[in-house]
C-alpha atoms as a PDB file:
ATOM      1  CA  UNK A   1     -39.191 -18.811  -6.848  1.00  0.00           C
ATOM      2  CA  UNK A   2     -37.229 -16.991  -4.143  1.00  0.00           C
ATOM      3  CA  UNK A   3     -39.306 -14.743  -1.908  1.00  0.00           C
ATOM      4  CA  UNK A   4     -38.204 -11.138  -1.333  1.00  0.00           C
ATOM      5  CA  UNK A   5     -37.682 -10.888   2.428  1.00  0.00           C
ATOM      6  CA  UNK A   6     -36.120  -7.399   2.594  1.00  0.00           C
ATOM      7  CA  UNK A   7     -38.133  -4.678   4.276  1.00  0.00           C
ATOM      8  CA  UNK A   8     -37.440  -1.049   5.117  1.00  0.00           C
ATOM      9  CA  UNK A   9     -36.974  -0.603   8.861  1.00  0.00           C
ATOM     10  CA  UNK A  10     -35.845   3.050   8.909  1.00  0.00           C
ATOM     11  CA  UNK A  11     -35.849   5.961   6.500  1.00  0.00           C
ATOM     12  CA  UNK A  12     -34.029   9.194   7.269  1.00  0.00           C
ATOM     13  CA  UNK A  13     -34.526  12.336   5.201  1.00  0.00           C
ATOM     14  CA  UNK A  14     -32.919  12.512   1.752  1.00  0.00           C
ATOM     15  CA  UNK A  15     -29.914  14.484   3.036  1.00  0.00           C
ATOM     16  CA  UNK A  16     -28.665  11.538   5.148  1.00  0.00           C
ATOM     17  CA  UNK A  17     -26.177   9.114   3.574  1.00  0.00           C
ATOM     18  CA  UNK A  18     -25.235   5.936   5.438  1.00  0.00           C
ATOM     19  CA  UNK A  19     -21.793   4.473   4.651  1.00  0.00           C
ATOM     20  CA  UNK A  20     -21.575   1.459   6.995  1.00  0.00           C
ATOM     21  CA  UNK A  21     -23.603  -0.620   9.451  1.00  0.00           C
ATOM     22  CA  UNK A  22     -22.639  -3.124  12.143  1.00  0.00           C
ATOM     23  CA  UNK A  23     -24.194  -5.043  15.020  1.00  0.00           C
ATOM     24  CA  UNK A  24     -22.915  -6.650  18.200  1.00  0.00           C
ATOM     25  CA  UNK A  25     -25.958  -8.930  18.480  1.00  0.00           C
ATOM     26  CA  UNK A  26     -29.389  -9.215  16.877  1.00  0.00           C
ATOM     27  CA  UNK A  27     -30.751  -6.306  18.929  1.00  0.00           C
ATOM     28  CA  UNK A  28     -28.038  -3.590  18.932  1.00  0.00           C
ATOM     29  CA  UNK A  29     -27.222  -2.071  15.519  1.00  0.00           C
ATOM     30  CA  UNK A  30     -25.304   1.090  14.552  1.00  0.00           C
ATOM     31  CA  UNK A  31     -25.249   2.784  11.128  1.00  0.00           C
ATOM     32  CA  UNK A  32     -22.891   5.686  10.331  1.00  0.00           C
ATOM     33  CA  UNK A  33     -22.505   8.271   7.597  1.00  0.00           C
ATOM     34  CA  UNK A  34     -23.042  11.988   7.103  1.00  0.00           C
ATOM     35  CA  UNK A  35     -25.615  14.709   6.499  1.00  0.00           C
ATOM     36  CA  UNK A  36     -25.180  16.210   3.027  1.00  0.00           C
ATOM     37  CA  UNK A  37     -24.630  19.942   2.885  1.00  0.00           C
ATOM     38  CA  UNK A  38     -23.522  20.180   6.518  1.00  0.00           C
ATOM     39  CA  UNK A  39     -20.536  17.835   6.668  1.00  0.00           C
ATOM     40  CA  UNK A  40     -21.785  16.589  10.037  1.00  0.00           C
ATOM     41  CA  UNK A  41     -21.263  13.018  11.181  1.00  0.00           C
ATOM     42  CA  UNK A  42     -24.391  10.885  11.523  1.00  0.00           C
ATOM     43  CA  UNK A  43     -24.672   7.939  13.909  1.00  0.00           C
ATOM     44  CA  UNK A  44     -27.960   6.043  14.039  1.00  0.00           C
ATOM     45  CA  UNK A  45     -28.523   3.346  16.685  1.00  0.00           C
ATOM     46  CA  UNK A  46     -31.200   0.721  17.319  1.00  0.00           C
ATOM     47  CA  UNK A  47     -31.413  -1.320  20.535  1.00  0.00           C
ATOM     48  CA  UNK A  48     -34.510  -3.331  19.559  1.00  0.00           C
ATOM     49  CA  UNK A  49     -33.424  -5.159  16.427  1.00  0.00           C
ATOM     50  CA  UNK A  50     -34.167  -2.301  14.032  1.00  0.00           C
ATOM     51  CA  UNK A  51     -37.740  -1.509  15.105  1.00  0.00           C
ATOM     52  CA  UNK A  52     -36.794   1.939  16.441  1.00  0.00           C
ATOM     53  CA  UNK A  53     -33.755   4.089  15.643  1.00  0.00           C
ATOM     54  CA  UNK A  54     -32.162   7.052  17.421  1.00  0.00           C
ATOM     55  CA  UNK A  55     -30.328   9.554  15.212  1.00  0.00           C
ATOM     56  CA  UNK A  56     -27.238  11.206  16.685  1.00  0.00           C
ATOM     57  CA  UNK A  57     -26.000  14.239  14.763  1.00  0.00           C
ATOM     58  CA  UNK A  58     -22.593  14.611  16.279  1.00  0.00           C
ATOM     59  CA  UNK A  59     -20.660  17.779  16.885  1.00  0.00           C
ATOM     60  CA  UNK A  60     -18.068  16.258  14.564  1.00  0.00           C
ATOM     61  CA  UNK A  61     -17.676  17.680  11.062  1.00  0.00           C
ATOM     62  CA  UNK A  62     -16.574  14.651   9.073  1.00  0.00           C
ATOM     63  CA  UNK A  63     -18.063  11.898   6.973  1.00  0.00           C
ATOM     64  CA  UNK A  64     -18.049   8.556   8.802  1.00  0.00           C
ATOM     65  CA  UNK A  65     -17.063   5.618   6.573  1.00  0.00           C
ATOM     66  CA  UNK A  66     -16.743   2.672   8.951  1.00  0.00           C
ATOM     67  CA  UNK A  67     -18.030   1.440  12.322  1.00  0.00           C
ATOM     68  CA  UNK A  68     -17.201  -1.640  14.405  1.00  0.00           C
ATOM     69  CA  UNK A  69     -18.047  -3.075  17.832  1.00  0.00           C
ATOM     70  CA  UNK A  70     -14.983  -4.362  19.675  1.00  0.00           C
ATOM     71  CA  UNK A  71     -17.069  -5.385  22.681  1.00  0.00           C
ATOM     72  CA  UNK A  72     -20.629  -4.526  23.722  1.00  0.00           C
ATOM     73  CA  UNK A  73     -19.222  -1.316  25.233  1.00  0.00           C
ATOM     74  CA  UNK A  74     -16.344  -0.324  22.940  1.00  0.00           C
ATOM     75  CA  UNK A  75     -17.186   0.950  19.442  1.00  0.00           C
ATOM     76  CA  UNK A  76     -14.961   2.742  16.901  1.00  0.00           C
ATOM     77  CA  UNK A  77     -15.776   4.841  13.814  1.00  0.00           C
ATOM     78  CA  UNK A  78     -13.413   6.062  11.077  1.00  0.00           C
ATOM     79  CA  UNK A  79     -13.999   8.888   8.629  1.00  0.00           C
ATOM     80  CA  UNK A  80     -12.860  11.901   6.656  1.00  0.00           C
ATOM     81  CA  UNK A  81     -10.191  14.343   7.860  1.00  0.00           C
ATOM     82  CA  UNK A  82      -8.514  11.617   9.934  1.00  0.00           C
ATOM     83  CA  UNK A  83     -11.560  11.203  12.165  1.00  0.00           C
ATOM     84  CA  UNK A  84     -11.564   8.390  14.697  1.00  0.00           C
ATOM     85  CA  UNK A  85     -14.441   8.302  17.163  1.00  0.00           C
ATOM     86  CA  UNK A  86     -14.535   5.971  20.165  1.00  0.00           C
ATOM     87  CA  UNK A  87     -17.452   5.048  22.399  1.00  0.00           C
ATOM     88  CA  UNK A  88     -16.995   3.228  25.694  1.00  0.00           C
ATOM     89  CA  UNK A  89     -20.735   2.953  26.427  1.00  0.00           C
ATOM     90  CA  UNK A  90     -22.026   0.983  23.441  1.00  0.00           C
ATOM     91  CA  UNK A  91     -22.398   3.928  21.074  1.00  0.00           C
ATOM     92  CA  UNK A  92     -24.374   6.347  23.237  1.00  0.00           C
ATOM     93  CA  UNK A  93     -21.572   8.900  23.676  1.00  0.00           C
ATOM     94  CA  UNK A  94     -18.528   9.492  21.473  1.00  0.00           C
ATOM     95  CA  UNK A  95     -15.150  11.115  21.864  1.00  0.00           C
ATOM     96  CA  UNK A  96     -12.811  12.129  19.075  1.00  0.00           C
ATOM     97  CA  UNK A  97      -9.406  10.428  19.159  1.00  0.00           C
ATOM     98  CA  UNK A  98      -6.180  11.835  17.726  1.00  0.00           C
ATOM     99  CA  UNK A  99      -5.356   9.862  14.573  1.00  0.00           C
ATOM    100  CA  UNK A 100      -2.311  11.947  13.717  1.00  0.00           C
ATOM    101  CA  UNK A 101      -3.510  12.545  10.138  1.00  0.00           C
ATOM    102  CA  UNK A 102      -5.903  14.718   8.189  1.00  0.00           C
ATOM    103  CA  UNK A 103      -6.391  12.110   5.465  1.00  0.00           C
ATOM    104  CA  UNK A 104      -9.654  10.218   4.975  1.00  0.00           C
ATOM    105  CA  UNK A 105      -9.773   6.950   6.910  1.00  0.00           C
ATOM    106  CA  UNK A 106     -11.742   4.256   5.099  1.00  0.00           C
ATOM    107  CA  UNK A 107     -11.566   1.667   7.852  1.00  0.00           C
ATOM    108  CA  UNK A 108     -10.170   0.731  11.236  1.00  0.00           C
ATOM    109  CA  UNK A 109      -9.012  -2.841  11.669  1.00  0.00           C
ATOM    110  CA  UNK A 110      -8.512  -4.727  14.914  1.00  0.00           C
ATOM    111  CA  UNK A 111      -7.804  -8.306  13.944  1.00  0.00           C
ATOM    112  CA  UNK A 112      -9.634 -10.636  16.337  1.00  0.00           C
ATOM    113  CA  UNK A 113     -12.790 -10.725  14.224  1.00  0.00           C
ATOM    114  CA  UNK A 114     -11.534 -11.940  10.882  1.00  0.00           C
ATOM    115  CA  UNK A 115     -12.301 -10.223   7.587  1.00  0.00           C
ATOM    116  CA  UNK A 116     -13.942  -7.014   8.759  1.00  0.00           C
ATOM    117  CA  UNK A 117     -12.965  -3.422   8.155  1.00  0.00           C
ATOM    118  CA  UNK A 118     -12.773  -2.613  11.858  1.00  0.00           C
ATOM    119  CA  UNK A 119     -11.715  -5.345  14.264  1.00  0.00           C
ATOM    120  CA  UNK A 120      -9.351  -5.965  17.181  1.00  0.00           C
ATOM    121  CA  UNK A 121      -6.724  -8.577  18.105  1.00  0.00           C
ATOM    122  CA  UNK A 122      -7.539  -7.463  21.615  1.00  0.00           C
ATOM    123  CA  UNK A 123      -8.893  -4.268  23.143  1.00  0.00           C
ATOM    124  CA  UNK A 124      -5.599  -2.469  22.500  1.00  0.00           C
ATOM    125  CA  UNK A 125      -4.103  -3.409  19.107  1.00  0.00           C
ATOM    126  CA  UNK A 126      -5.622  -2.120  15.866  1.00  0.00           C
ATOM    127  CA  UNK A 127      -5.045  -0.676  12.408  1.00  0.00           C
ATOM    128  CA  UNK A 128      -6.508   2.108  10.258  1.00  0.00           C
ATOM    129  CA  UNK A 129      -6.062   2.532   6.511  1.00  0.00           C
ATOM    130  CA  UNK A 130      -6.742   5.402   4.132  1.00  0.00           C
ATOM    131  CA  UNK A 131      -4.968   8.017   2.101  1.00  0.00           C
ATOM    132  CA  UNK A 132      -5.554   9.569  -1.287  1.00  0.00           C
ATOM    133  CA  UNK A 133      -4.919   8.476  -4.858  1.00  0.00           C
ATOM    134  CA  UNK A 134      -1.234   9.389  -4.433  1.00  0.00           C
ATOM    135  CA  UNK A 135      -0.579   8.866  -0.739  1.00  0.00           C
ATOM    136  CA  UNK A 136      -0.881   5.732   1.386  1.00  0.00           C
ATOM    137  CA  UNK A 137      -1.802   5.620   5.058  1.00  0.00           C
ATOM    138  CA  UNK A 138      -1.586   2.711   7.489  1.00  0.00           C
ATOM    139  CA  UNK A 139      -1.535   3.432  11.211  1.00  0.00           C
ATOM    140  CA  UNK A 140      -1.409   1.158  14.236  1.00  0.00           C
ATOM    141  CA  UNK A 141      -2.509   1.546  17.846  1.00  0.00           C
ATOM    142  CA  UNK A 142      -1.412  -0.581  20.777  1.00  0.00           C
ATOM    143  CA  UNK A 143      -3.263   1.430  23.452  1.00  0.00           C
ATOM    144  CA  UNK A 144      -6.912   1.032  22.457  1.00  0.00           C
ATOM    145  CA  UNK A 145      -6.929   3.960  20.040  1.00  0.00           C
ATOM    146  CA  UNK A 146      -5.506   6.624  22.342  1.00  0.00           C
ATOM    147  CA  UNK A 147      -2.468   7.115  20.080  1.00  0.00           C
ATOM    148  CA  UNK A 148      -1.601   5.958  16.565  1.00  0.00           C
ATOM    149  CA  UNK A 149       1.768   5.203  14.958  1.00  0.00           C
ATOM    150  CA  UNK A 150       2.230   5.740  11.212  1.00  0.00           C
ATOM    151  CA  UNK A 151       3.423   2.455   9.649  1.00  0.00           C
ATOM    152  CA  UNK A 152       2.608   3.434   6.050  1.00  0.00           C
ATOM    153  CA  UNK A 153       4.675   1.805   3.308  1.00  0.00           C
ATOM    154  CA  UNK A 154       6.472   4.030   0.808  1.00  0.00           C
ATOM    155  CA  UNK A 155       3.790   3.556  -1.870  1.00  0.00           C
ATOM    156  CA  UNK A 156       1.979   6.313  -3.776  1.00  0.00           C
ATOM    157  CA  UNK A 157      -1.470   4.690  -3.622  1.00  0.00           C
ATOM    158  CA  UNK A 158      -4.439   5.285  -1.316  1.00  0.00           C
ATOM    159  CA  UNK A 159      -5.819   2.366   0.702  1.00  0.00           C
ATOM    160  CA  UNK A 160      -9.485   1.416   1.096  1.00  0.00           C
ATOM    161  CA  UNK A 161      -9.681  -1.913   2.931  1.00  0.00           C
ATOM    162  CA  UNK A 162      -7.761  -4.073   5.372  1.00  0.00           C
ATOM    163  CA  UNK A 163      -7.945  -7.674   6.596  1.00  0.00           C
ATOM    164  CA  UNK A 164      -5.946  -9.790   9.019  1.00  0.00           C
ATOM    165  CA  UNK A 165      -6.775 -13.465   8.357  1.00  0.00           C
ATOM    166  CA  UNK A 166      -4.417 -14.355  11.219  1.00  0.00           C
ATOM    167  CA  UNK A 167      -2.693 -12.459  13.998  1.00  0.00           C
ATOM    168  CA  UNK A 168       0.606 -12.465  12.090  1.00  0.00           C
ATOM    169  CA  UNK A 169      -0.440 -11.647   8.520  1.00  0.00           C
ATOM    170  CA  UNK A 170      -2.305  -8.571   7.259  1.00  0.00           C
ATOM    171  CA  UNK A 171      -3.404  -7.408   3.801  1.00  0.00           C
ATOM    172  CA  UNK A 172      -4.384  -3.920   2.619  1.00  0.00           C
ATOM    173  CA  UNK A 173      -6.032  -3.058  -0.726  1.00  0.00           C
ATOM    174  CA  UNK A 174      -6.268   0.262  -2.511  1.00  0.00           C
ATOM    175  CA  UNK A 175      -6.238   2.344  -5.639  1.00  0.00           C
ATOM    176  CA  UNK A 176      -4.821   1.125  -8.952  1.00  0.00           C
ATOM    177  CA  UNK A 177      -5.332  -2.512  -7.926  1.00  0.00           C
ATOM    178  CA  UNK A 178      -2.747  -2.344  -5.126  1.00  0.00           C
ATOM    179  CA  UNK A 179      -2.535  -5.152  -2.554  1.00  0.00           C
ATOM    180  CA  UNK A 180       0.104  -4.987   0.188  1.00  0.00           C
ATOM    181  CA  UNK A 181       0.929  -7.619   2.792  1.00  0.00           C
ATOM    182  CA  UNK A 182       2.311  -6.989   6.272  1.00  0.00           C
ATOM    183  CA  UNK A 183       5.148  -9.307   7.191  1.00  0.00           C
ATOM    184  CA  UNK A 184       5.080 -10.701  10.753  1.00  0.00           C
ATOM    185  CA  UNK A 185       8.318  -8.915  11.753  1.00  0.00           C
ATOM    186  CA  UNK A 186       6.799  -5.538  10.721  1.00  0.00           C
ATOM    187  CA  UNK A 187       3.936  -5.671  13.200  1.00  0.00           C
END
């Protein structure tokens, strides 16, 4: 018989909804989401392997859907209303980046880390996906998230996930069972 080894390590109040969680090592963990009724972003961080958590209620009014460590210092979040947040100090302080869209971003992808929603080929090149049921969104950065270029295909479907199994090939999935593939010459 398999033993249940899951245990609760943090409980916020019932108005907090976490959407994603990531870690850079076994000690540093970040969970993101939103506070219901306020529309405020929520970022919750542990630096002791989940024993203690610090809640950050940001000045940002958006739901955060995705979070990813690029390095121990650089962390990105993606969320509603085109929100991209970047931290250069391991998730202690955040600045809002200009995504160039007001659409919901489901994930940011920087492809050095394999099949994750947010990952990097290096500290500069990355992708975000999103949209709505009738509008696709794929954007790319080559300057560490400072600016984003719209590389969306002409498809009337929203996107929810992205993966780059190699540096030259990327896949995006979305509504109505849509899967699109990026050709190497389109990068």
